[in-house]
C-alpha atoms as a PDB file:
ATOM      1  CA  UNK A   1     -12.696  -3.741  29.033  1.00  0.00           C
ATOM      2  CA  UNK A   2      -8.893  -4.048  28.772  1.00  0.00           C
ATOM      3  CA  UNK A   3      -9.180  -6.442  25.819  1.00  0.00           C
ATOM      4  CA  UNK A   4     -11.555  -4.052  24.021  1.00  0.00           C
ATOM      5  CA  UNK A   5      -9.123  -1.176  24.599  1.00  0.00           C
ATOM      6  CA  UNK A   6      -6.244  -3.288  23.156  1.00  0.00           C
ATOM      7  CA  UNK A   7      -8.345  -4.278  20.181  1.00  0.00           C
ATOM      8  CA  UNK A   8      -9.340  -0.684  19.516  1.00  0.00           C
ATOM      9  CA  UNK A   9      -5.673   0.414  19.719  1.00  0.00           C
ATOM     10  CA  UNK A  10      -4.578  -2.244  17.277  1.00  0.00           C
ATOM     11  CA  UNK A  11      -7.352  -1.473  14.771  1.00  0.00           C
ATOM     12  CA  UNK A  12      -6.702   2.321  15.092  1.00  0.00           C
ATOM     13  CA  UNK A  13      -2.968   1.951  14.446  1.00  0.00           C
ATOM     14  CA  UNK A  14      -3.427  -0.467  11.583  1.00  0.00           C
ATOM     15  CA  UNK A  15      -5.910   1.875   9.927  1.00  0.00           C
ATOM     16  CA  UNK A  16      -3.665   4.870  10.492  1.00  0.00           C
ATOM     17  CA  UNK A  17      -0.801   3.083   8.780  1.00  0.00           C
ATOM     18  CA  UNK A  18      -3.080   2.111   5.831  1.00  0.00           C
ATOM     19  CA  UNK A  19      -4.140   5.690   5.363  1.00  0.00           C
ATOM     20  CA  UNK A  20      -0.598   6.959   5.644  1.00  0.00           C
ATOM     21  CA  UNK A  21       0.546   4.686   2.808  1.00  0.00           C
ATOM     22  CA  UNK A  22      -2.473   5.606   0.633  1.00  0.00           C
ATOM     23  CA  UNK A  23      -1.585   9.272   0.729  1.00  0.00           C
ATOM     24  CA  UNK A  24       1.734   8.943  -1.165  1.00  0.00           C
ATOM     25  CA  UNK A  25       2.414   8.191  -4.816  1.00  0.00           C
ATOM     26  CA  UNK A  26       5.245   5.649  -4.175  1.00  0.00           C
ATOM     27  CA  UNK A  27       2.897   2.661  -4.467  1.00  0.00           C
ATOM     28  CA  UNK A  28       1.210   3.951  -7.676  1.00  0.00           C
ATOM     29  CA  UNK A  29       4.701   4.445  -9.214  1.00  0.00           C
ATOM     30  CA  UNK A  30       5.575   0.892  -8.323  1.00  0.00           C
ATOM     31  CA  UNK A  31       2.443  -0.469 -10.078  1.00  0.00           C
ATOM     32  CA  UNK A  32       2.994   1.614 -13.219  1.00  0.00           C
ATOM     33  CA  UNK A  33       6.718   0.726 -13.556  1.00  0.00           C
ATOM     34  CA  UNK A  34       6.555  -2.991 -12.602  1.00  0.00           C
ATOM     35  CA  UNK A  35       5.635  -4.197 -16.150  1.00  0.00           C
ATOM     36  CA  UNK A  36       8.607  -2.304 -17.599  1.00  0.00           C
ATOM     37  CA  UNK A  37      10.949  -3.771 -14.993  1.00  0.00           C
ATOM     38  CA  UNK A  38       9.703  -7.338 -15.689  1.00  0.00           C
ATOM     39  CA  UNK A  39      10.020  -7.032 -19.429  1.00  0.00           C
ATOM     40  CA  UNK A  40      13.458  -5.324 -19.245  1.00  0.00           C
ATOM     41  CA  UNK A  41      14.974  -7.803 -16.694  1.00  0.00           C
ATOM     42  CA  UNK A  42      13.682 -10.880 -18.570  1.00  0.00           C
ATOM     43  CA  UNK A  43      15.195  -9.604 -21.848  1.00  0.00           C
ATOM     44  CA  UNK A  44      18.433  -8.580 -20.123  1.00  0.00           C
ATOM     45  CA  UNK A  45      18.864 -11.934 -18.484  1.00  0.00           C
ATOM     46  CA  UNK A  46      17.913 -13.793 -21.759  1.00  0.00           C
ATOM     47  CA  UNK A  47      20.564 -11.975 -23.667  1.00  0.00           C
ATOM     48  CA  UNK A  48      23.130 -13.822 -21.538  1.00  0.00           C
ATOM     49  CA  UNK A  49      21.312 -17.071 -22.160  1.00  0.00           C
ATOM     50  CA  UNK A  50      19.266 -16.849 -25.430  1.00  0.00           C
ATOM     51  CA  UNK A  51      18.160 -20.502 -25.220  1.00  0.00           C
ATOM     52  CA  UNK A  52      15.924 -19.623 -22.278  1.00  0.00           C
ATOM     53  CA  UNK A  53      13.693 -17.554 -24.531  1.00  0.00           C
ATOM     54  CA  UNK A  54      12.997 -20.668 -26.666  1.00  0.00           C
ATOM     55  CA  UNK A  55      12.428 -22.991 -23.730  1.00  0.00           C
ATOM     56  CA  UNK A  56       8.859 -22.380 -22.323  1.00  0.00           C
ATOM     57  CA  UNK A  57       9.721 -23.921 -18.988  1.00  0.00           C
ATOM     58  CA  UNK A  58      12.836 -21.880 -18.429  1.00  0.00           C
ATOM     59  CA  UNK A  59      11.083 -18.691 -19.599  1.00  0.00           C
ATOM     60  CA  UNK A  60       8.117 -19.316 -17.256  1.00  0.00           C
ATOM     61  CA  UNK A  61      10.574 -20.029 -14.338  1.00  0.00           C
ATOM     62  CA  UNK A  62      12.409 -16.816 -15.118  1.00  0.00           C
ATOM     63  CA  UNK A  63       9.213 -14.703 -15.426  1.00  0.00           C
ATOM     64  CA  UNK A  64       7.858 -15.844 -12.019  1.00  0.00           C
ATOM     65  CA  UNK A  65      11.297 -15.179 -10.498  1.00  0.00           C
ATOM     66  CA  UNK A  66      10.970 -11.542 -11.779  1.00  0.00           C
ATOM     67  CA  UNK A  67       7.546 -11.342 -10.028  1.00  0.00           C
ATOM     68  CA  UNK A  68       9.487 -12.086  -6.777  1.00  0.00           C
ATOM     69  CA  UNK A  69      11.798  -9.164  -7.635  1.00  0.00           C
ATOM     70  CA  UNK A  70       8.705  -6.873  -7.723  1.00  0.00           C
ATOM     71  CA  UNK A  71       7.534  -8.245  -4.360  1.00  0.00           C
ATOM     72  CA  UNK A  72      10.909  -7.624  -2.712  1.00  0.00           C
ATOM     73  CA  UNK A  73      11.385  -4.200  -4.310  1.00  0.00           C
ATOM     74  CA  UNK A  74       7.898  -3.092  -3.234  1.00  0.00           C
ATOM     75  CA  UNK A  75       8.435  -4.181   0.361  1.00  0.00           C
ATOM     76  CA  UNK A  76      11.840  -2.471   0.726  1.00  0.00           C
ATOM     77  CA  UNK A  77      10.440   0.859  -0.505  1.00  0.00           C
ATOM     78  CA  UNK A  78       6.976   0.740   1.000  1.00  0.00           C
ATOM     79  CA  UNK A  79       7.625  -1.051   4.278  1.00  0.00           C
ATOM     80  CA  UNK A  80      11.335  -0.405   4.745  1.00  0.00           C
ATOM     81  CA  UNK A  81      10.910   3.311   4.254  1.00  0.00           C
ATOM     82  CA  UNK A  82       7.554   3.651   6.013  1.00  0.00           C
ATOM     83  CA  UNK A  83       8.822   4.895   9.362  1.00  0.00           C
ATOM     84  CA  UNK A  84      11.439   7.122   7.717  1.00  0.00           C
ATOM     85  CA  UNK A  85       8.629   8.795   5.624  1.00  0.00           C
ATOM     86  CA  UNK A  86       6.554   9.316   8.720  1.00  0.00           C
ATOM     87  CA  UNK A  87       9.558  10.781  10.477  1.00  0.00           C
ATOM     88  CA  UNK A  88      10.009  13.317   7.704  1.00  0.00           C
ATOM     89  CA  UNK A  89       6.229  14.196   7.783  1.00  0.00           C
ATOM     90  CA  UNK A  90       6.213  14.590  11.549  1.00  0.00           C
ATOM     91  CA  UNK A  91       3.763  11.701  12.029  1.00  0.00           C
ATOM     92  CA  UNK A  92       6.315   9.584  13.891  1.00  0.00           C
ATOM     93  CA  UNK A  93       6.793  12.288  16.497  1.00  0.00           C
ATOM     94  CA  UNK A  94       3.017  12.303  17.117  1.00  0.00           C
ATOM     95  CA  UNK A  95       2.987   8.556  17.564  1.00  0.00           C
ATOM     96  CA  UNK A  96       5.853   8.696  20.060  1.00  0.00           C
ATOM     97  CA  UNK A  97       3.982  11.378  21.995  1.00  0.00           C
ATOM     98  CA  UNK A  98       0.894   9.160  22.394  1.00  0.00           C
ATOM     99  CA  UNK A  99       2.971   6.278  23.679  1.00  0.00           C
ATOM    100  CA  UNK A 100       1.717   4.009  20.899  1.00  0.00           C
ATOM    101  CA  UNK A 101       3.804   0.948  19.962  1.00  0.00           C
ATOM    102  CA  UNK A 102       5.741   1.899  16.804  1.00  0.00           C
ATOM    103  CA  UNK A 103       6.123  -1.748  15.855  1.00  0.00           C
ATOM    104  CA  UNK A 104       2.356  -2.054  15.454  1.00  0.00           C
ATOM    105  CA  UNK A 105       2.260   0.987  13.283  1.00  0.00           C
ATOM    106  CA  UNK A 106       5.244  -0.402  11.194  1.00  0.00           C
ATOM    107  CA  UNK A 107       3.439  -3.736  10.648  1.00  0.00           C
ATOM    108  CA  UNK A 108       0.394  -1.887   9.364  1.00  0.00           C
ATOM    109  CA  UNK A 109       2.461  -0.729   6.386  1.00  0.00           C
ATOM    110  CA  UNK A 110       2.973  -4.421   5.433  1.00  0.00           C
ATOM    111  CA  UNK A 111      -0.756  -4.972   5.105  1.00  0.00           C
ATOM    112  CA  UNK A 112      -1.117  -1.970   2.723  1.00  0.00           C
ATOM    113  CA  UNK A 113       2.066  -3.078   0.859  1.00  0.00           C
ATOM    114  CA  UNK A 114       0.582  -6.562   0.225  1.00  0.00           C
ATOM    115  CA  UNK A 115      -2.333  -4.898  -1.591  1.00  0.00           C
ATOM    116  CA  UNK A 116      -0.043  -2.706  -3.728  1.00  0.00           C
ATOM    117  CA  UNK A 117       2.303  -5.715  -4.484  1.00  0.00           C
ATOM    118  CA  UNK A 118      -0.623  -7.853  -5.558  1.00  0.00           C
ATOM    119  CA  UNK A 119      -1.745  -4.993  -7.908  1.00  0.00           C
ATOM    120  CA  UNK A 120       1.823  -4.683  -9.297  1.00  0.00           C
ATOM    121  CA  UNK A 121       2.228  -8.432  -9.829  1.00  0.00           C
ATOM    122  CA  UNK A 122      -1.282  -8.796 -11.438  1.00  0.00           C
ATOM    123  CA  UNK A 123      -0.666  -5.878 -13.793  1.00  0.00           C
ATOM    124  CA  UNK A 124       2.760  -7.231 -14.794  1.00  0.00           C
ATOM    125  CA  UNK A 125       1.464 -10.731 -15.368  1.00  0.00           C
ATOM    126  CA  UNK A 126      -1.519  -9.545 -17.390  1.00  0.00           C
ATOM    127  CA  UNK A 127       0.694  -7.249 -19.611  1.00  0.00           C
ATOM    128  CA  UNK A 128       4.098  -8.891 -19.860  1.00  0.00           C
ATOM    129  CA  UNK A 129       3.449 -12.650 -19.846  1.00  0.00           C
ATOM    130  CA  UNK A 130       1.387 -12.585 -23.080  1.00  0.00           C
ATOM    131  CA  UNK A 131       4.120 -10.428 -24.802  1.00  0.00           C
ATOM    132  CA  UNK A 132       6.699 -13.105 -23.951  1.00  0.00           C
ATOM    133  CA  UNK A 133       4.352 -15.983 -24.835  1.00  0.00           C
ATOM    134  CA  UNK A 134       4.231 -17.313 -21.290  1.00  0.00           C
ATOM    135  CA  UNK A 135       1.192 -19.151 -20.036  1.00  0.00           C
ATOM    136  CA  UNK A 136       0.255 -17.451 -16.708  1.00  0.00           C
ATOM    137  CA  UNK A 137      -1.934 -20.353 -15.591  1.00  0.00           C
ATOM    138  CA  UNK A 138      -0.395 -22.014 -12.481  1.00  0.00           C
ATOM    139  CA  UNK A 139       0.339 -25.720 -12.433  1.00  0.00           C
ATOM    140  CA  UNK A 140      -0.793 -25.977  -8.791  1.00  0.00           C
ATOM    141  CA  UNK A 141      -2.979 -22.973  -7.823  1.00  0.00           C
ATOM    142  CA  UNK A 142      -3.117 -23.926  -4.147  1.00  0.00           C
ATOM    143  CA  UNK A 143       0.652 -24.247  -3.832  1.00  0.00           C
ATOM    144  CA  UNK A 144       1.094 -21.006  -5.740  1.00  0.00           C
ATOM    145  CA  UNK A 145      -1.134 -19.207  -3.290  1.00  0.00           C
ATOM    146  CA  UNK A 146       0.712 -20.646  -0.335  1.00  0.00           C
ATOM    147  CA  UNK A 147       4.117 -19.744  -1.843  1.00  0.00           C
ATOM    148  CA  UNK A 148       2.925 -16.207  -2.688  1.00  0.00           C
ATOM    149  CA  UNK A 149       1.646 -15.535   0.778  1.00  0.00           C
ATOM    150  CA  UNK A 150       4.792 -16.926   2.462  1.00  0.00           C
ATOM    151  CA  UNK A 151       7.127 -15.060   0.021  1.00  0.00           C
ATOM    152  CA  UNK A 152       5.153 -11.819   0.685  1.00  0.00           C
ATOM    153  CA  UNK A 153       5.316 -12.238   4.464  1.00  0.00           C
ATOM    154  CA  UNK A 154       8.998 -13.056   4.248  1.00  0.00           C
ATOM    155  CA  UNK A 155       9.729  -9.962   2.201  1.00  0.00           C
ATOM    156  CA  UNK A 156       7.705  -7.818   4.609  1.00  0.00           C
ATOM    157  CA  UNK A 157       9.623  -9.365   7.535  1.00  0.00           C
ATOM    158  CA  UNK A 158      12.971  -8.477   5.846  1.00  0.00           C
ATOM    159  CA  UNK A 159      11.690  -4.946   5.111  1.00  0.00           C
ATOM    160  CA  UNK A 160      10.422  -4.545   8.681  1.00  0.00           C
ATOM    161  CA  UNK A 161      13.930  -5.450  10.002  1.00  0.00           C
ATOM    162  CA  UNK A 162      15.456  -3.108   7.310  1.00  0.00           C
ATOM    163  CA  UNK A 163      13.244  -0.201   8.466  1.00  0.00           C
ATOM    164  CA  UNK A 164      15.379   0.105  11.609  1.00  0.00           C
ATOM    165  CA  UNK A 165      18.477   0.785   9.529  1.00  0.00           C
ATOM    166  CA  UNK A 166      16.615   3.168   7.196  1.00  0.00           C
ATOM    167  CA  UNK A 167      15.652   5.339  10.186  1.00  0.00           C
ATOM    168  CA  UNK A 168      19.302   5.973  11.088  1.00  0.00           C
ATOM    169  CA  UNK A 169      20.773   6.218   7.588  1.00  0.00           C
ATOM    170  CA  UNK A 170      21.514   9.623   5.989  1.00  0.00           C
ATOM    171  CA  UNK A 171      20.844   8.484   2.451  1.00  0.00           C
ATOM    172  CA  UNK A 172      18.868   5.293   2.790  1.00  0.00           C
ATOM    173  CA  UNK A 173      17.704   5.297  -0.879  1.00  0.00           C
ATOM    174  CA  UNK A 174      21.278   4.319  -1.946  1.00  0.00           C
ATOM    175  CA  UNK A 175      21.197   1.223   0.168  1.00  0.00           C
ATOM    176  CA  UNK A 176      17.638   0.345  -0.959  1.00  0.00           C
ATOM    177  CA  UNK A 177      18.568   0.595  -4.615  1.00  0.00           C
ATOM    178  CA  UNK A 178      21.410  -1.805  -3.951  1.00  0.00           C
ATOM    179  CA  UNK A 179      19.391  -4.267  -1.976  1.00  0.00           C
ATOM    180  CA  UNK A 180      16.368  -4.296  -4.299  1.00  0.00           C
ATOM    181  CA  UNK A 181      18.624  -5.916  -6.929  1.00  0.00           C
ATOM    182  CA  UNK A 182      21.066  -8.044  -4.863  1.00  0.00           C
ATOM    183  CA  UNK A 183      18.458  -9.564  -2.484  1.00  0.00           C
ATOM    184  CA  UNK A 184      16.305 -11.000  -5.243  1.00  0.00           C
ATOM    185  CA  UNK A 185      19.345 -12.438  -7.110  1.00  0.00           C
ATOM    186  CA  UNK A 186      20.367 -14.453  -3.971  1.00  0.00           C
ATOM    187  CA  UNK A 187      16.700 -15.385  -3.246  1.00  0.00           C
ATOM    188  CA  UNK A 188      15.788 -17.122  -6.539  1.00  0.00           C
ATOM    189  CA  UNK A 189      15.301 -14.405  -9.108  1.00  0.00           C
ATOM    190  CA  UNK A 190      17.107 -16.702 -11.415  1.00  0.00           C
ATOM    191  CA  UNK A 191      16.048 -20.386 -11.412  1.00  0.00           C
ATOM    192  CA  UNK A 192      18.512 -22.411  -9.328  1.00  0.00           C
ATOM    193  CA  UNK A 193      19.755 -24.411 -12.358  1.00  0.00           C
ATOM    194  CA  UNK A 194      20.534 -21.164 -14.299  1.00  0.00           C
ATOM    195  CA  UNK A 195      22.383 -19.492 -11.403  1.00  0.00           C
ATOM    196  CA  UNK A 196      26.211 -19.316 -11.177  1.00  0.00           C
ATOM    197  CA  UNK A 197      27.731 -21.777  -8.677  1.00  0.00           C
ATOM    198  CA  UNK A 198      28.574 -18.925  -6.163  1.00  0.00           C
ATOM    199  CA  UNK A 199      24.975 -17.755  -6.219  1.00  0.00           C
ATOM    200  CA  UNK A 200      23.732 -21.318  -5.860  1.00  0.00           C
ATOM    201  CA  UNK A 201      25.571 -21.698  -2.541  1.00  0.00           C
ATOM    202  CA  UNK A 202      23.926 -18.468  -1.248  1.00  0.00           C
ATOM    203  CA  UNK A 203      20.480 -19.494  -2.428  1.00  0.00           C
ATOM    204  CA  UNK A 204      20.774 -22.754  -0.593  1.00  0.00           C
ATOM    205  CA  UNK A 205      21.249 -20.994   2.788  1.00  0.00           C
ATOM    206  CA  UNK A 206      19.071 -17.982   2.154  1.00  0.00           C
ATOM    207  CA  UNK A 207      15.725 -18.419   4.039  1.00  0.00           C
ATOM    208  CA  UNK A 208      13.890 -16.232   1.439  1.00  0.00           C
ATOM    209  CA  UNK A 209      14.726 -18.843  -1.241  1.00  0.00           C
ATOM    210  CA  UNK A 210      12.349 -21.378   0.233  1.00  0.00           C
ATOM    211  CA  UNK A 211       9.018 -19.554  -0.110  1.00  0.00           C
ATOM    212  CA  UNK A 212      10.114 -18.369  -3.529  1.00  0.00           C
ATOM    213  CA  UNK A 213      10.785 -22.015  -4.460  1.00  0.00           C
ATOM    214  CA  UNK A 214       7.259 -22.952  -3.234  1.00  0.00           C
ATOM    215  CA  UNK A 215       5.799 -20.162  -5.326  1.00  0.00           C
ATOM    216  CA  UNK A 216       7.703 -21.252  -8.387  1.00  0.00           C
ATOM    217  CA  UNK A 217       6.794 -24.883  -7.989  1.00  0.00           C
ATOM    218  CA  UNK A 218       3.101 -23.918  -7.766  1.00  0.00           C
ATOM    219  CA  UNK A 219       3.388 -21.711 -10.814  1.00  0.00           C
ATOM    220  CA  UNK A 220       5.430 -23.951 -13.099  1.00  0.00           C
ATOM    221  CA  UNK A 221       5.022 -27.453 -11.636  1.00  0.00           C
ATOM    222  CA  UNK A 222       8.816 -27.898 -11.760  1.00  0.00           C
ATOM    223  CA  UNK A 223      11.371 -28.138  -8.944  1.00  0.00           C
ATOM    224  CA  UNK A 224      14.233 -25.652  -9.132  1.00  0.00           C
ATOM    225  CA  UNK A 225      15.793 -25.675  -5.655  1.00  0.00           C
ATOM    226  CA  UNK A 226      16.830 -29.198  -4.445  1.00  0.00           C
ATOM    227  CA  UNK A 227      14.702 -29.104  -1.289  1.00  0.00           C
ATOM    228  CA  UNK A 228      11.865 -31.192   0.014  1.00  0.00           C
ATOM    229  CA  UNK A 229       8.501 -29.279  -0.058  1.00  0.00           C
ATOM    230  CA  UNK A 230       7.766 -29.917   3.662  1.00  0.00           C
ATOM    231  CA  UNK A 231      11.279 -28.733   4.582  1.00  0.00           C
ATOM    232  CA  UNK A 232      10.740 -25.617   2.510  1.00  0.00           C
ATOM    233  CA  UNK A 233       7.463 -24.961   4.248  1.00  0.00           C
ATOM    234  CA  UNK A 234       9.070 -25.388   7.711  1.00  0.00           C
ATOM    235  CA  UNK A 235      12.061 -23.191   6.851  1.00  0.00           C
ATOM    236  CA  UNK A 236       9.747 -20.492   5.474  1.00  0.00           C
ATOM    237  CA  UNK A 237       7.417 -20.380   8.574  1.00  0.00           C
ATOM    238  CA  UNK A 238      10.393 -20.478  11.026  1.00  0.00           C
ATOM    239  CA  UNK A 239      12.233 -17.678   9.129  1.00  0.00           C
ATOM    240  CA  UNK A 240       9.193 -15.481   9.020  1.00  0.00           C
ATOM    241  CA  UNK A 241       8.606 -15.815  12.729  1.00  0.00           C
ATOM    242  CA  UNK A 242      12.323 -15.050  13.424  1.00  0.00           C
ATOM    243  CA  UNK A 243      12.363 -11.985  11.134  1.00  0.00           C
ATOM    244  CA  UNK A 244       9.175 -10.486  12.574  1.00  0.00           C
ATOM    245  CA  UNK A 245      10.376 -11.180  16.150  1.00  0.00           C
ATOM    246  CA  UNK A 246      13.747  -9.577  15.538  1.00  0.00           C
ATOM    247  CA  UNK A 247      12.325  -6.633  13.627  1.00  0.00           C
ATOM    248  CA  UNK A 248       9.721  -5.818  16.409  1.00  0.00           C
ATOM    249  CA  UNK A 249      12.453  -6.190  19.116  1.00  0.00           C
ATOM    250  CA  UNK A 250      14.768  -3.794  17.283  1.00  0.00           C
ATOM    251  CA  UNK A 251      11.995  -1.274  16.683  1.00  0.00           C
ATOM    252  CA  UNK A 252      11.253  -1.315  20.441  1.00  0.00           C
ATOM    253  CA  UNK A 253      14.906  -0.625  21.253  1.00  0.00           C
ATOM    254  CA  UNK A 254      14.979   2.213  18.605  1.00  0.00           C
ATOM    255  CA  UNK A 255      11.782   3.665  20.123  1.00  0.00           C
ATOM    256  CA  UNK A 256      13.409   3.905  23.536  1.00  0.00           C
ATOM    257  CA  UNK A 257      16.421   5.639  21.974  1.00  0.00           C
ATOM    258  CA  UNK A 258      14.257   8.070  20.125  1.00  0.00           C
ATOM    259  CA  UNK A 259      12.239   8.924  23.307  1.00  0.00           C
ATOM    260  CA  UNK A 260      15.510   9.490  25.105  1.00  0.00           C
ATOM    261  CA  UNK A 261      17.468  11.460  22.487  1.00  0.00           C
ATOM    262  CA  UNK A 262      14.613  12.759  20.302  1.00  0.00           C
ATOM    263  CA  UNK A 263      14.090  12.377  16.569  1.00  0.00           C
END
């Protein structure tokens, strides 16, 4: 009986979060603008290094790095701002009144965001890769899928953690606009060998770089980050668990504060 009630609570909250995300136009805007972002960023980066446009491997590495930019950007806006949107709409107040775990509701946004991100990435790959002459076929489909799932979960974990800060910021969109560009740059937006030395040092210690490296190896068949595959897998899984644990813990603390002080 108790397990059934818990299962019902979880499914209800997950579904409520999905419906909440489907109501807005944010995700649709992300899907429509993603191909423009990919094409613009690839060309902007290539201007600094024109030889990359002539090298099929470098261009493919770069294009798949831009796909990661879409993934991170989507998560910061859709997951990172999920609770803040619900606060503005009065939904968060209702959730607090029912004594429902907010963390569960926040995680539900990640599930919906995964669908939107896949739609954005697929649209961009289908439209932009042919324009640039990039073969979208992955070198190792299984490794690509593993890398994509890990990268998506890592980006969602970062956004879940970030959602705590968004709730208390006055103008969170300013910080999000900054992070959606800086975070991909230090996570492997540029292939490791094309990055400046200072960025390379950050990429080496940034946990998000490892699932991105797995994704890129699966897509291109070439190693970019000097890291063993099994170490990259272990680092990715450990970092994902740490991010979700910390994000959920902070949301629980924030919930107590909101119940005490009000929204």
